[in-house]
Amino acid sequence: MSKHTPPRAYFHVHHEQMWEWATEPMENRIEYIKKEKPTSEIDTRLRLLKEIPYERIKSLVDTKGQYDAVQRTAWEQYEAVQRTFDMEALHRELCPDCPWDGRTIFP
């Protein structure tokens, strides 16, 4: 069984956002900063880029996990209804003179 790795969050990954969840290894972002950002910004960006200790945001992580579970369940319910919903029949009924051919209204 593999050990679950908790999500990671960082301060100042991007200059216009105070903090955000990591979506990729931070080494990738650091390399990008070093290669692509103006020389005058690199030291400041790297100095301010800090991982937020997990124990300081555990309650936030737990709540996000609950949110994700609810969202996942709601999406699964939506997809189940969508699989049985006949949008094409509804379209034919409500738009009887529509030239829609499956790709465009301008055949």
Protein backbone atom coordinates (compact mmCIF):
# COMPACT_ATOMS: atom_id res chain seq x y z
CA MET A 1 0.00 0.00 0.00
CA SER A 2 1.38 3.42 -0.92
CA LYS A 3 1.51 6.23 1.56
CA HIS A 4 -0.79 9.15 0.71
CA THR A 5 1.10 12.39 0.16
CA PRO A 6 -0.81 15.40 1.47
CA PRO A 7 -1.30 18.33 -0.88
CA ARG A 8 1.31 21.04 -0.73
CA ALA A 9 0.77 24.77 -0.70
CA TYR A 10 3.19 27.65 -1.21
CA PHE A 11 3.38 31.38 -0.71
CA HIS A 12 4.19 33.52 -3.76
CA VAL A 13 4.33 30.92 -6.54
CA HIS A 14 3.10 33.71 -8.82
CA HIS A 15 3.47 37.41 -8.14
CA GLU A 16 -0.24 38.23 -8.27
CA GLN A 17 -1.36 35.55 -5.77
CA MET A 18 -0.37 35.32 -2.10
CA TRP A 19 -0.64 31.51 -1.89
CA GLU A 20 -1.78 28.54 -3.93
CA TRP A 21 -1.88 24.77 -4.03
CA ALA A 22 1.04 23.14 -5.81
CA THR A 23 -0.05 21.64 -9.12
CA GLU A 24 3.39 20.32 -10.07
CA PRO A 25 6.78 19.86 -8.41
CA MET A 26 8.04 23.23 -7.22
CA GLU A 27 11.41 22.48 -8.79
CA ASN A 28 9.70 23.03 -12.16
CA ARG A 29 8.57 26.50 -11.11
CA ILE A 30 12.00 27.37 -9.73
CA GLU A 31 13.66 26.36 -13.00
CA TYR A 32 11.11 28.42 -14.93
CA ILE A 33 11.79 31.47 -12.75
CA LYS A 34 15.54 31.13 -13.25
CA LYS A 35 15.26 30.76 -17.02
CA GLU A 36 12.32 32.95 -17.98
CA LYS A 37 11.82 35.77 -15.51
CA PRO A 38 13.63 39.11 -15.69
CA THR A 39 16.97 39.02 -13.90
CA SER A 40 15.83 41.86 -11.64
CA GLU A 41 12.96 39.70 -10.30
CA ILE A 42 14.65 36.33 -9.77
CA ASP A 43 16.15 36.87 -6.30
CA THR A 44 12.93 38.32 -4.91
CA ARG A 45 10.76 35.57 -6.40
CA LEU A 46 13.00 32.79 -5.05
CA ARG A 47 13.38 34.42 -1.63
CA LEU A 48 9.61 34.76 -1.18
CA LEU A 49 8.63 31.36 -2.58
CA LYS A 50 7.98 29.33 0.57
CA GLU A 51 6.22 26.08 1.29
CA ILE A 52 3.44 26.42 3.84
CA PRO A 53 3.95 23.82 6.60
CA TYR A 54 1.31 21.09 6.35
CA GLU A 55 0.51 21.18 10.06
CA ARG A 56 -0.37 24.90 9.74
CA ILE A 57 -2.96 24.25 7.02
CA LYS A 58 -4.20 20.76 7.97
CA SER A 59 -7.73 22.01 8.71
CA LEU A 60 -7.80 23.69 5.29
CA VAL A 61 -6.56 20.50 3.63
CA ASP A 62 -9.19 18.42 5.44
CA THR A 63 -11.98 20.78 4.43
CA LYS A 64 -10.75 20.82 0.83
CA GLY A 65 -10.83 17.02 0.83
CA GLN A 66 -14.43 17.08 1.99
CA TYR A 67 -15.27 19.63 -0.69
CA ASP A 68 -13.57 17.52 -3.37
CA ALA A 69 -15.53 14.42 -2.28
CA VAL A 70 -18.85 16.26 -2.43
CA GLN A 71 -17.95 17.79 -5.78
CA ARG A 72 -16.92 14.40 -7.17
CA THR A 73 -20.21 12.82 -6.02
CA ALA A 74 -22.24 15.67 -7.52
CA TRP A 75 -20.35 15.38 -10.82
CA GLU A 76 -20.97 11.62 -10.93
CA GLN A 77 -24.70 12.25 -10.37
CA TYR A 78 -24.74 14.89 -13.10
CA GLU A 79 -23.01 12.55 -15.56
CA ALA A 80 -25.46 9.74 -14.74
CA VAL A 81 -28.43 12.00 -15.53
CA GLN A 82 -26.71 13.39 -18.62
CA ARG A 83 -26.23 9.85 -20.02
CA THR A 84 -30.00 9.33 -19.93
CA PHE A 85 -30.97 12.82 -21.11
CA ASP A 86 -31.91 13.14 -24.77
CA MET A 87 -30.80 16.68 -25.61
CA GLU A 88 -31.19 16.05 -29.34
CA ALA A 89 -34.86 15.18 -28.91
CA LEU A 90 -35.39 18.29 -26.79
CA HIS A 91 -33.62 20.38 -29.43
CA ARG A 92 -35.80 18.99 -32.22
CA GLU A 93 -38.90 19.77 -30.16
CA LEU A 94 -37.94 23.31 -29.14
CA CYS A 95 -36.10 24.35 -32.32
CA PRO A 96 -38.09 22.66 -35.14
CA ASP A 97 -36.80 25.00 -37.87
CA CYS A 98 -33.14 24.90 -36.80
CA PRO A 99 -30.54 24.02 -39.45
CA TRP A 100 -28.14 22.53 -36.85
CA ASP A 101 -26.34 19.61 -38.50
CA GLY A 102 -24.33 18.40 -35.52
CA ARG A 103 -21.51 20.91 -36.10
CA THR A 104 -22.97 24.29 -37.06
CA ILE A 105 -26.14 26.31 -37.63
CA PHE A 106 -24.67 27.40 -40.95
CA PRO A 107 -24.57 24.27 -43.11
